[in-house]
Amino acid sequence: MNRTTLTFFGAVAALAAVTGVAAVTVPAEPAKSTAKAAERLPVQRSTLVCPPPPPSEVGETTYTAFTPQGKGGANGTQKSSGAPTADMLPAAGSSSGDSGGKKDDKGKKGSKGGKDASKPVISVKEPGKPVTATTDSSGAPALIGSADGALAPGWSVQQTTTISAGAGRGVQGLSCAAPDTSFWFPGASTAKSRQDYVHLTNPDNNPAVVDLELYGKDGRIKAPAGEGINIPPRSAVPVLLSTLTSQPADDLVLHVAARSGRVGAAVQASDEKTGGDWLPAAAEPASGAVLPGLPSDATSARLVLFAPGGSDADLKVRLAGKNNAITPTGHETLHVKSGMMTTADLGDITRGEPGSLLLTPESGSGKVVAALRVTRGKGDKQETAFIPATTPIEERGTVADNRAKGSTLSLVAPEKDAEVRVVSSAGSEGGTPVSKNYTVKAGTTLAVDPPQPGGGKGAFGVTVEKVSGGPLYASRMLALPADGVPMFTIQTLPDDRGTVEVPEAEQRISLMND
């Protein structure tokens, strides 16, 4: 989940102007630089969007918002003018425009936020304490929000919907993400048993124009109806993927590309037999990929790959398990042709142990995007979730909506041992934060239950901090079984971008005299 920091971009532009002047007025004699190294500072502002929850008459959606302490929070050093805010507001033109009757942490239904777009559906008041709100409306809107000051670094919002019956039955969870101009969704589908909607949310006050590109095993699929889609200001537009092409396909790759403006994007996938979940955007194209957090009891896993560049991709496949990394028989390597999609049915690859998929490039290999569709259960008791390729945790990753039972962290160190600190916040109904340190051995996946807050109740936030060692990747599975169905959802934990590197700048009056 990329964190947009609007004030940072303004700062970069200003710094670029200063350094641009310095570049064309070089002193005649070389001088020793007195500029300090770039400093990492807490971000000043974060923007997130949540798509409308799945429309169901038998569903309930919980929003959990959380800003961790430190790095600009209660223990940080950030200073800001005025009281910090972190609010999620209803999008003006999404769904029915009705938030569905917001409930507070005590379950009491409040006013309908859709009738007053200026009233937050959920609002964080202080770092370190999660806040929750629920709705059972089938027409709840998309949410658009921002956090500033001490509430901005690491601000996270989780949207979790539980549907008890019908298409998409199961737990559908999503970490609300920052808007951007490009998103890749390997694992989308236009199969007759699936209904996949891409939800496009424009958080800004100007219109956005978006192209939807579909790719299959033979390359680009003609989809003229997906070109030039207009997203009005501060509104959300859903598009059913099967309306873009007349050719049903079990697996597709969707690329969302903004011609103008920026949007939030996520794919909501519902299957008639195997439940459903949100398919978040995969990490940007890269030479390799890490997909963390395959459950130990996964009954099947299907990998979808796409090479968007001008070069084919050749990848070695390994499964980082509990004790070491192994090469799965029959899937030692994968070849992905440029501009085409490739799939691999990995079956019950974990064999009773948690694992993570590691895709490493051969020499000269092109870039890929990747995602896994994971299934738990059998027969009519199946449930699915998605694991997109993700980026490593540089400093800290954050995930909201953890429960006393059912939350499992998967930590993977593909190259070298990694030292990790896991911090669980107070609960939304009180308690005290706790932390625990772990060592993740190279080439392995460590699956742990996050430590429980002391004396707390309700949902709690979890941060994963990299202390030392090699690259670290993580995900969180939230399992909420019901009626014999292993309902679950998985969210990856990229770096939460709570801090940003700001170069040191100094004023030089002499430049004005040259």
Protein backbone atom coordinates (compact mmCIF):
# COMPACT_ATOMS: atom_id res chain seq x y z
CA MET A 1 0.00 0.00 0.00
CA ASN A 2 1.89 3.17 -1.21
CA ARG A 3 1.46 6.11 1.11
CA THR A 4 0.86 9.41 -0.68
CA THR A 5 2.51 12.37 1.02
CA LEU A 6 1.38 15.48 -0.74
CA THR A 7 3.47 17.93 1.22
CA PHE A 8 6.53 15.85 0.54
CA PHE A 9 6.10 16.23 -3.20
CA GLY A 10 5.83 19.98 -2.73
CA ALA A 11 9.03 19.92 -0.69
CA VAL A 12 10.81 17.91 -3.36
CA ALA A 13 9.74 20.38 -6.03
CA ALA A 14 11.07 23.27 -3.97
CA LEU A 15 14.35 21.49 -3.34
CA ALA A 16 14.65 20.65 -7.03
CA ALA A 17 14.36 24.34 -7.83
CA VAL A 18 17.16 25.18 -5.38
CA THR A 19 19.50 22.45 -6.62
CA GLY A 20 18.73 23.38 -10.21
CA VAL A 21 20.06 26.90 -9.60
CA ALA A 22 23.17 25.50 -7.91
CA ALA A 23 23.87 23.23 -10.88
CA VAL A 24 24.31 26.12 -13.32
CA THR A 25 26.34 28.39 -11.02
CA VAL A 26 29.33 26.23 -10.09
CA PRO A 27 32.05 28.12 -8.17
CA ALA A 28 35.30 28.65 -10.01
CA GLU A 29 37.29 26.89 -7.28
CA PRO A 30 36.23 23.53 -5.87
CA ALA A 31 34.83 23.90 -2.38
CA LYS A 32 34.28 21.34 0.33
CA SER A 33 30.60 20.54 0.76
CA THR A 34 29.19 21.29 4.17
CA ALA A 35 25.77 19.82 3.38
CA LYS A 36 24.61 17.16 5.80
CA ALA A 37 23.44 13.72 4.73
CA ALA A 38 19.75 13.33 3.96
CA GLU A 39 17.65 12.90 7.09
CA ARG A 40 14.61 10.67 7.52
CA LEU A 41 11.69 12.64 8.90
CA PRO A 42 8.06 11.74 9.65
CA VAL A 43 5.66 12.37 6.79
CA GLN A 44 3.31 15.32 7.21
CA ARG A 45 0.29 14.03 5.31
CA SER A 46 -1.13 10.68 4.11
CA THR A 47 -4.04 9.99 1.76
CA LEU A 48 -6.04 6.74 1.55
CA VAL A 49 -9.11 5.53 -0.34
CA CYS A 50 -11.41 2.59 0.47
CA PRO A 51 -13.68 1.19 -2.28
CA PRO A 52 -17.36 0.54 -1.57
CA PRO A 53 -17.75 -2.72 0.38
CA PRO A 54 -19.31 -5.69 -1.46
CA PRO A 55 -23.07 -5.16 -1.82
CA SER A 56 -24.78 -7.92 0.17
CA GLU A 57 -27.96 -8.08 2.20
CA VAL A 58 -26.27 -10.58 4.54
CA GLY A 59 -22.95 -8.81 4.99
CA GLU A 60 -21.40 -6.56 7.60
CA THR A 61 -18.36 -4.34 7.12
CA THR A 62 -15.95 -3.21 9.82
CA TYR A 63 -13.56 -0.32 9.31
CA THR A 64 -10.51 -0.17 11.56
CA ALA A 65 -8.26 2.89 11.49
CA PHE A 66 -4.93 3.09 13.26
CA THR A 67 -1.80 5.23 13.50
CA PRO A 68 1.14 3.60 15.29
CA GLN A 69 3.12 5.36 17.97
CA GLY A 70 6.60 6.62 17.20
CA LYS A 71 8.05 8.06 13.98
CA GLY A 72 5.86 11.11 14.34
CA GLY A 73 3.26 9.63 16.68
CA ALA A 74 3.13 9.99 20.43
CA ASN A 75 6.78 9.04 20.82
CA GLY A 76 8.02 10.81 17.72
CA THR A 77 9.56 14.21 17.14
CA GLN A 78 7.23 15.60 14.52
CA LYS A 79 5.86 19.07 15.04
CA SER A 80 2.78 20.42 13.28
CA SER A 81 0.60 23.47 13.56
CA GLY A 82 -2.89 22.88 14.84
CA ALA A 83 -4.51 19.66 15.99
CA PRO A 84 -3.69 16.61 13.80
CA THR A 85 -6.56 14.88 12.00
CA ALA A 86 -7.12 11.46 10.39
CA ASP A 87 -10.61 11.17 8.88
CA MET A 88 -12.28 8.94 6.28
CA LEU A 89 -15.20 10.68 4.52
CA PRO A 90 -17.84 9.27 2.13
CA ALA A 91 -17.13 9.75 -1.56
CA ALA A 92 -19.72 12.04 -3.08
CA GLY A 93 -20.79 9.88 -6.00
CA SER A 94 -20.20 6.31 -4.92
CA SER A 95 -22.87 3.62 -4.67
CA SER A 96 -26.01 4.93 -2.99
CA GLY A 97 -24.17 7.70 -1.20
CA ASP A 98 -25.28 6.23 2.14
CA SER A 99 -22.72 5.08 4.67
CA GLY A 100 -25.26 2.61 5.94
CA GLY A 101 -25.63 3.84 9.45
CA LYS A 102 -22.24 4.11 11.10
CA LYS A 103 -21.79 2.35 14.42
CA ASP A 104 -19.25 3.35 17.00
CA ASP A 105 -16.98 1.07 19.05
CA LYS A 106 -19.89 0.15 21.32
CA GLY A 107 -22.00 -0.99 18.40
CA LYS A 108 -24.49 1.86 18.63
CA LYS A 109 -25.71 3.03 15.26
CA GLY A 110 -24.99 6.67 14.55
CA SER A 111 -25.92 9.12 11.83
CA LYS A 112 -25.71 8.15 8.18
CA GLY A 113 -22.53 9.65 6.86
CA GLY A 114 -23.68 9.53 3.24
CA LYS A 115 -26.20 12.27 3.94
CA ASP A 116 -23.44 14.53 5.17
CA ALA A 117 -20.25 14.03 3.15
CA SER A 118 -18.39 16.32 5.55
CA LYS A 119 -18.94 14.00 8.51
CA PRO A 120 -16.24 11.33 8.98
CA VAL A 121 -17.28 7.70 8.88
CA ILE A 122 -14.24 6.88 10.99
CA SER A 123 -11.73 9.17 12.68
CA VAL A 124 -8.49 8.55 14.61
CA LYS A 125 -7.94 10.89 17.56
CA GLU A 126 -4.55 9.77 18.86
CA PRO A 127 -1.63 7.55 17.81
CA GLY A 128 -1.50 4.07 19.27
CA LYS A 129 -5.24 3.53 19.70
CA PRO A 130 -7.33 1.90 16.92
CA VAL A 131 -10.83 3.10 16.16
CA THR A 132 -13.56 0.95 14.60
CA ALA A 133 -16.90 1.55 12.88
CA THR A 134 -19.34 -0.90 11.30
CA THR A 135 -22.10 -0.87 8.72
CA ASP A 136 -24.54 -3.49 7.46
CA SER A 137 -25.75 -1.41 4.54
CA SER A 138 -25.65 -2.98 1.07
CA GLY A 139 -25.09 0.47 -0.43
CA ALA A 140 -22.26 1.85 1.68
CA PRO A 141 -20.09 4.33 -0.23
CA ALA A 142 -16.39 4.47 -1.02
CA LEU A 143 -14.36 6.43 1.53
CA ILE A 144 -11.74 9.09 0.91
CA GLY A 145 -9.53 10.33 3.70
CA SER A 146 -6.36 12.01 4.80
CA ALA A 147 -4.26 12.19 7.93
CA ASP A 148 -1.91 15.00 8.84
CA GLY A 149 0.50 15.96 11.58
CA ALA A 150 1.28 13.32 14.19
CA LEU A 151 -1.45 11.03 12.82
CA ALA A 152 -0.01 10.77 9.30
CA PRO A 153 3.04 8.45 9.70
CA GLY A 154 1.91 4.85 9.26
CA TRP A 155 -1.82 5.72 9.20
CA SER A 156 -3.65 2.56 8.10
CA VAL A 157 -7.29 1.69 7.48
CA GLN A 158 -8.60 -1.85 7.06
CA GLN A 159 -11.97 -2.67 5.50
CA THR A 160 -13.24 -6.14 6.46
CA THR A 161 -16.56 -7.49 5.19
CA THR A 162 -18.09 -10.78 6.35
CA ILE A 163 -20.73 -12.27 4.02
CA SER A 164 -22.60 -15.26 5.43
CA ALA A 165 -24.16 -16.64 2.24
CA GLY A 166 -24.42 -16.29 -1.53
CA ALA A 167 -21.84 -15.31 -4.12
CA GLY A 168 -18.67 -14.03 -2.50
CA ARG A 169 -19.51 -15.76 0.78
CA GLY A 170 -16.63 -15.42 3.21
CA VAL A 171 -14.33 -12.72 4.56
CA GLN A 172 -13.34 -9.98 2.14
CA GLY A 173 -10.58 -7.79 3.55
CA LEU A 174 -8.58 -4.92 2.13
CA SER A 175 -5.96 -2.49 3.40
CA CYS A 176 -7.17 0.82 2.01
CA ALA A 177 -4.43 2.19 -0.24
CA ALA A 178 -2.99 5.44 -1.49
CA PRO A 179 -4.09 6.79 -4.90
CA ASP A 180 -1.69 6.44 -7.81
CA THR A 181 -1.55 6.48 -11.62
CA SER A 182 -0.79 2.81 -12.37
CA PHE A 183 -1.96 -0.50 -10.87
CA TRP A 184 -1.40 -4.14 -11.90
CA PHE A 185 -3.87 -6.90 -10.97
CA PRO A 186 -2.66 -10.40 -11.93
CA GLY A 187 -5.39 -12.93 -11.08
CA ALA A 188 -8.49 -11.04 -12.21
CA SER A 189 -11.09 -13.05 -14.12
CA THR A 190 -14.03 -12.87 -16.50
CA ALA A 191 -15.04 -16.52 -15.98
CA LYS A 192 -18.76 -17.26 -15.89
CA SER A 193 -18.52 -18.34 -12.24
CA ARG A 194 -16.80 -15.07 -11.26
CA GLN A 195 -17.96 -11.51 -10.94
CA ASP A 196 -14.95 -9.22 -10.81
CA TYR A 197 -15.46 -5.48 -10.41
CA VAL A 198 -12.64 -2.99 -10.48
CA HIS A 199 -13.49 -0.04 -8.25
CA LEU A 200 -11.93 3.28 -9.27
CA THR A 201 -11.99 6.09 -6.71
CA ASN A 202 -10.91 9.65 -7.45
CA PRO A 203 -9.88 11.44 -4.21
CA ASP A 204 -9.18 14.82 -5.82
CA ASN A 205 -11.24 17.84 -6.83
CA ASN A 206 -10.53 17.42 -10.56
CA PRO A 207 -11.78 14.65 -12.87
CA ALA A 208 -9.56 11.66 -13.61
CA VAL A 209 -9.47 9.69 -16.87
CA VAL A 210 -8.51 6.01 -16.73
CA ASP A 211 -7.75 3.24 -19.25
CA LEU A 212 -8.42 -0.41 -18.36
CA GLU A 213 -6.11 -2.82 -20.21
CA LEU A 214 -6.68 -6.59 -20.18
CA TYR A 215 -4.01 -9.21 -20.92
CA GLY A 216 -4.35 -12.96 -21.35
CA LYS A 217 -2.23 -15.94 -22.39
CA ASP A 218 -2.08 -14.61 -25.96
CA GLY A 219 -1.34 -11.01 -25.08
CA ARG A 220 -3.45 -7.85 -25.11
CA ILE A 221 -7.21 -8.37 -25.26
CA LYS A 222 -9.30 -5.89 -27.20
CA ALA A 223 -11.43 -3.96 -24.74
CA PRO A 224 -12.39 -0.58 -26.27
CA ALA A 225 -15.07 -0.05 -23.62
CA GLY A 226 -12.28 0.21 -21.05
CA GLU A 227 -10.65 3.23 -22.67
CA GLY A 228 -11.10 6.79 -21.44
CA ILE A 229 -13.29 6.09 -18.40
CA ASN A 230 -14.13 9.34 -16.63
CA ILE A 231 -14.03 9.36 -12.81
CA PRO A 232 -15.72 12.53 -11.46
CA PRO A 233 -14.09 14.46 -8.61
CA ARG A 234 -14.25 12.74 -5.22
CA SER A 235 -16.32 9.90 -6.62
CA ALA A 236 -16.07 6.15 -7.23
CA VAL A 237 -16.93 4.20 -10.39
CA PRO A 238 -17.27 0.38 -10.49
CA VAL A 239 -16.61 -1.51 -13.74
CA LEU A 240 -17.60 -5.16 -14.25
CA LEU A 241 -14.68 -6.71 -16.10
CA SER A 242 -16.82 -9.20 -18.03
CA THR A 243 -18.49 -6.25 -19.81
CA LEU A 244 -15.17 -5.26 -21.38
CA THR A 245 -14.69 -8.44 -23.44
CA SER A 246 -16.85 -11.13 -24.99
CA GLN A 247 -14.28 -13.87 -24.27
CA PRO A 248 -14.59 -15.41 -20.78
CA ALA A 249 -11.23 -16.21 -19.18
CA ASP A 250 -10.42 -17.92 -15.90
CA ASP A 251 -7.32 -15.79 -15.42
CA LEU A 252 -6.48 -12.30 -16.64
CA VAL A 253 -4.13 -9.46 -15.84
CA LEU A 254 -5.72 -6.03 -15.47
CA HIS A 255 -3.71 -2.85 -15.81
CA VAL A 256 -5.29 0.39 -14.58
CA ALA A 257 -3.53 3.38 -16.12
CA ALA A 258 -4.57 6.98 -15.45
CA ARG A 259 -4.32 9.34 -18.43
CA SER A 260 -4.95 12.28 -16.14
CA GLY A 261 -5.33 12.65 -12.41
CA ARG A 262 -4.90 9.77 -10.01
CA VAL A 263 -7.18 7.12 -8.54
CA GLY A 264 -7.42 4.39 -5.97
CA ALA A 265 -8.06 0.97 -7.50
CA ALA A 266 -8.92 -2.51 -6.20
CA VAL A 267 -10.64 -5.58 -7.69
CA GLN A 268 -13.50 -7.20 -5.81
CA ALA A 269 -13.75 -10.88 -6.87
CA SER A 270 -16.79 -13.05 -6.09
CA ASP A 271 -17.14 -16.71 -7.01
CA GLU A 272 -20.34 -18.75 -6.89
CA LYS A 273 -18.67 -21.73 -5.19
CA THR A 274 -15.36 -20.67 -3.66
CA GLY A 275 -16.27 -17.41 -1.93
CA GLY A 276 -14.39 -14.24 -2.72
CA ASP A 277 -12.02 -11.54 -1.59
CA TRP A 278 -10.40 -8.30 -2.63
CA LEU A 279 -7.52 -8.54 -5.08
CA PRO A 280 -5.16 -5.66 -4.20
CA ALA A 281 -2.68 -4.26 -6.68
CA ALA A 282 0.61 -6.15 -6.98
CA ALA A 283 3.99 -4.51 -6.57
CA GLU A 284 5.24 -2.61 -9.61
CA PRO A 285 7.01 -4.70 -12.31
CA ALA A 286 10.35 -6.05 -11.06
CA SER A 287 12.89 -8.69 -12.06
CA GLY A 288 11.78 -10.95 -9.21
CA ALA A 289 8.92 -11.25 -6.74
CA VAL A 290 8.14 -12.30 -3.16
CA LEU A 291 4.63 -13.47 -2.26
CA PRO A 292 4.51 -13.96 1.54
CA GLY A 293 2.09 -15.90 3.69
CA LEU A 294 0.76 -19.09 2.11
CA PRO A 295 -1.33 -20.76 4.87
CA SER A 296 -0.16 -24.14 6.13
CA ASP A 297 -3.54 -25.69 5.29
CA ALA A 298 -3.86 -24.26 1.77
CA THR A 299 -5.51 -26.87 -0.46
CA SER A 300 -4.49 -25.14 -3.69
CA ALA A 301 -2.51 -22.18 -4.93
CA ARG A 302 -2.61 -20.73 -8.44
CA LEU A 303 0.12 -18.35 -9.60
CA VAL A 304 -0.53 -15.71 -12.27
CA LEU A 305 2.42 -13.91 -13.92
CA PHE A 306 2.76 -11.24 -16.57
CA ALA A 307 5.81 -9.68 -18.25
CA PRO A 308 4.85 -6.10 -19.21
CA GLY A 309 8.17 -5.02 -20.69
CA GLY A 310 9.91 -5.80 -23.93
CA SER A 311 11.82 -8.84 -22.63
CA ASP A 312 10.80 -12.37 -21.68
CA ALA A 313 11.21 -13.36 -18.04
CA ASP A 314 12.82 -16.56 -16.76
CA LEU A 315 12.31 -17.23 -13.07
CA LYS A 316 13.49 -19.79 -10.55
CA VAL A 317 10.72 -20.88 -8.17
CA ARG A 318 11.33 -21.62 -4.50
CA LEU A 319 9.07 -22.08 -1.50
CA ALA A 320 10.48 -20.57 1.70
CA GLY A 321 9.09 -22.92 4.32
CA LYS A 322 9.42 -23.33 8.04
CA ASN A 323 13.01 -24.65 8.00
CA ASN A 324 14.47 -23.94 4.56
CA ALA A 325 13.73 -23.00 0.96
CA ILE A 326 12.83 -25.83 -1.42
CA THR A 327 12.20 -26.09 -5.14
CA PRO A 328 8.71 -27.46 -5.82
CA THR A 329 8.75 -30.52 -8.05
CA GLY A 330 7.41 -29.78 -11.51
CA HIS A 331 7.70 -26.02 -11.08
CA GLU A 332 11.45 -25.49 -10.84
CA THR A 333 11.45 -22.66 -13.39
CA LEU A 334 8.90 -20.52 -15.23
CA HIS A 335 9.18 -18.79 -18.59
CA VAL A 336 6.98 -15.73 -19.15
CA LYS A 337 6.81 -14.31 -22.68
CA SER A 338 6.88 -10.56 -23.09
CA GLY A 339 3.38 -9.06 -23.14
CA MET A 340 1.74 -12.35 -22.20
CA MET A 341 0.30 -13.99 -19.12
CA THR A 342 1.47 -17.32 -17.66
CA THR A 343 -0.21 -19.38 -14.94
CA ALA A 344 0.99 -22.23 -12.75
CA ASP A 345 -1.23 -24.50 -10.66
CA LEU A 346 0.90 -25.23 -7.58
CA GLY A 347 -1.65 -27.46 -5.82
CA ASP A 348 -1.18 -28.00 -2.07
CA ILE A 349 2.37 -26.71 -2.24
CA THR A 350 2.73 -25.94 1.49
CA ARG A 351 2.11 -29.55 2.63
CA GLY A 352 1.04 -28.60 6.13
CA GLU A 353 3.65 -25.91 6.76
CA PRO A 354 3.39 -22.12 6.26
CA GLY A 355 5.40 -20.80 3.34
CA SER A 356 6.15 -17.95 0.97
CA LEU A 357 6.79 -18.05 -2.76
CA LEU A 358 10.13 -16.68 -3.95
CA LEU A 359 10.61 -15.90 -7.65
CA THR A 360 14.23 -15.06 -8.52
CA PRO A 361 15.32 -13.99 -12.01
CA GLU A 362 17.73 -15.73 -14.34
CA SER A 363 20.46 -13.56 -15.82
CA GLY A 364 19.06 -10.97 -18.24
CA SER A 365 15.47 -11.74 -17.34
CA GLY A 366 12.73 -9.16 -17.92
CA LYS A 367 10.36 -7.74 -15.30
CA VAL A 368 7.14 -9.35 -14.06
CA VAL A 369 4.06 -8.72 -11.96
CA ALA A 370 2.62 -11.62 -9.95
CA ALA A 371 -0.16 -12.74 -7.61
CA LEU A 372 -1.42 -15.95 -6.01
CA ARG A 373 -5.00 -17.14 -5.61
CA VAL A 374 -5.07 -19.30 -2.47
CA THR A 375 -7.83 -21.73 -1.49
CA ARG A 376 -8.57 -23.28 1.89
CA GLY A 377 -11.18 -25.97 2.53
CA LYS A 378 -12.76 -28.52 0.20
CA GLY A 379 -16.01 -29.13 -1.66
CA ASP A 380 -18.72 -26.62 -0.84
CA LYS A 381 -16.70 -25.38 2.16
CA GLN A 382 -13.98 -23.64 0.15
CA GLU A 383 -12.85 -20.06 0.58
CA THR A 384 -10.31 -18.05 -1.43
CA ALA A 385 -7.96 -15.13 -0.88
CA PHE A 386 -5.21 -13.40 -2.88
CA ILE A 387 -1.54 -12.73 -2.19
CA PRO A 388 -0.01 -10.18 -4.58
CA ALA A 389 3.73 -9.69 -4.89
CA THR A 390 4.80 -7.04 -2.42
CA THR A 391 7.74 -4.83 -1.54
CA PRO A 392 10.06 -5.26 1.47
CA ILE A 393 9.71 -3.56 4.82
CA GLU A 394 12.49 -0.98 4.94
CA GLU A 395 11.69 0.28 8.44
CA ARG A 396 8.14 -0.62 9.48
CA GLY A 397 4.97 -2.19 8.10
CA THR A 398 1.53 -1.61 9.63
CA VAL A 399 -1.75 -3.53 9.47
CA ALA A 400 -5.01 -2.71 11.25
CA ASP A 401 -7.96 -4.92 12.32
CA ASN A 402 -6.22 -7.73 14.18
CA ARG A 403 -8.34 -9.93 16.40
CA ALA A 404 -7.59 -11.83 19.62
CA LYS A 405 -8.13 -15.05 17.70
CA GLY A 406 -7.48 -15.56 14.01
CA SER A 407 -4.58 -13.22 13.21
CA THR A 408 -1.38 -14.83 11.90
CA LEU A 409 1.74 -12.97 10.77
CA SER A 410 4.01 -14.47 8.13
CA LEU A 411 7.57 -13.12 8.11
CA VAL A 412 10.00 -14.14 5.36
CA ALA A 413 13.70 -13.40 4.89
CA PRO A 414 14.61 -14.49 1.32
CA GLU A 415 18.35 -13.81 1.48
CA LYS A 416 19.82 -13.29 4.98
CA ASP A 417 18.68 -13.64 8.57
CA ALA A 418 16.49 -10.75 9.73
CA GLU A 419 15.84 -9.46 13.25
CA VAL A 420 12.23 -8.33 13.66
CA ARG A 421 10.24 -6.51 16.33
CA VAL A 422 6.47 -7.01 16.34
CA VAL A 423 4.39 -4.48 18.28
CA SER A 424 0.69 -4.92 19.07
CA SER A 425 -1.13 -1.73 20.02
CA ALA A 426 -3.75 -1.27 22.67
CA GLY A 427 -7.16 -2.56 21.67
CA SER A 428 -9.94 -0.34 20.38
CA GLU A 429 -11.61 -0.85 23.77
CA GLY A 430 -8.52 -0.29 25.92
CA GLY A 431 -5.45 -2.15 27.11
CA THR A 432 -1.70 -1.66 26.82
CA PRO A 433 0.66 -2.28 23.89
CA VAL A 434 3.09 -5.20 23.91
CA SER A 435 6.05 -6.18 21.74
CA LYS A 436 8.11 -9.25 20.94
CA ASN A 437 11.31 -9.81 18.97
CA TYR A 438 11.88 -12.61 16.47
CA THR A 439 14.72 -13.91 14.31
CA VAL A 440 13.73 -15.01 10.81
CA LYS A 441 16.30 -17.38 9.33
CA ALA A 442 17.46 -16.89 5.75
CA GLY A 443 15.26 -18.65 3.20
CA THR A 444 12.47 -19.40 5.67
CA THR A 445 8.99 -18.23 6.62
CA LEU A 446 8.16 -17.67 10.28
CA ALA A 447 4.42 -17.78 11.05
CA VAL A 448 3.48 -16.33 14.44
CA ASP A 449 0.44 -15.05 16.27
CA PRO A 450 1.02 -11.37 17.09
CA PRO A 451 1.35 -10.76 20.84
CA GLN A 452 -1.94 -9.92 22.51
CA PRO A 453 -2.41 -6.43 24.04
CA GLY A 454 -2.31 -6.44 27.81
CA GLY A 455 -5.82 -6.38 29.23
CA GLY A 456 -7.26 -5.02 25.99
CA LYS A 457 -10.41 -5.76 24.06
CA GLY A 458 -11.45 -5.13 20.50
CA ALA A 459 -9.38 -4.85 17.34
CA PHE A 460 -5.73 -3.85 17.60
CA GLY A 461 -3.05 -2.64 15.25
CA VAL A 462 0.20 -4.48 14.52
CA THR A 463 3.49 -3.04 13.34
CA VAL A 464 6.40 -5.10 12.04
CA GLU A 465 9.71 -3.32 12.47
CA LYS A 466 12.91 -4.44 10.78
CA VAL A 467 15.68 -4.24 13.41
CA SER A 468 18.60 -5.57 11.36
CA GLY A 469 19.64 -8.13 8.76
CA GLY A 470 18.58 -8.85 5.20
CA PRO A 471 15.40 -7.97 3.27
CA LEU A 472 12.15 -8.65 5.13
CA TYR A 473 8.68 -9.29 3.71
CA ALA A 474 5.44 -9.86 5.61
CA SER A 475 1.72 -10.53 5.42
CA ARG A 476 -1.15 -11.02 7.85
CA MET A 477 -3.92 -13.63 7.59
CA LEU A 478 -7.20 -12.92 9.36
CA ALA A 479 -9.22 -16.13 9.78
CA LEU A 480 -12.87 -15.89 10.85
CA PRO A 481 -14.32 -19.40 10.31
CA ALA A 482 -18.10 -19.84 10.30
CA ASP A 483 -20.44 -22.78 9.63
CA GLY A 484 -17.56 -25.08 8.73
CA VAL A 485 -16.17 -22.67 6.12
CA PRO A 486 -12.53 -21.56 6.72
CA MET A 487 -13.27 -17.91 5.95
CA PHE A 488 -10.10 -15.85 5.71
CA THR A 489 -8.38 -12.92 4.07
CA ILE A 490 -4.69 -12.02 3.61
CA GLN A 491 -3.08 -8.57 3.54
CA THR A 492 0.56 -7.97 2.65
CA LEU A 493 2.62 -5.48 4.68
CA PRO A 494 4.81 -3.27 2.51
CA ASP A 495 6.70 -0.48 4.22
CA ASP A 496 4.17 1.98 5.66
CA ARG A 497 6.23 5.00 4.51
CA GLY A 498 5.97 6.58 7.94
CA THR A 499 9.18 8.47 7.29
CA VAL A 500 10.67 9.99 4.17
CA GLU A 501 14.22 10.94 3.27
CA VAL A 502 14.61 14.72 3.10
CA PRO A 503 17.94 16.08 1.79
CA GLU A 504 19.65 18.88 3.69
CA ALA A 505 19.40 22.27 1.93
CA GLU A 506 21.26 25.45 2.75
CA GLN A 507 20.90 29.03 1.65
CA ARG A 508 23.82 30.47 -0.38
CA ILE A 509 23.58 34.21 -0.92
CA SER A 510 26.60 34.09 -3.26
CA LEU A 511 24.46 32.38 -5.91
CA MET A 512 22.46 35.58 -6.33
CA ASN A 513 25.60 37.52 -7.23
CA ASP A 514 26.88 35.26 -10.02
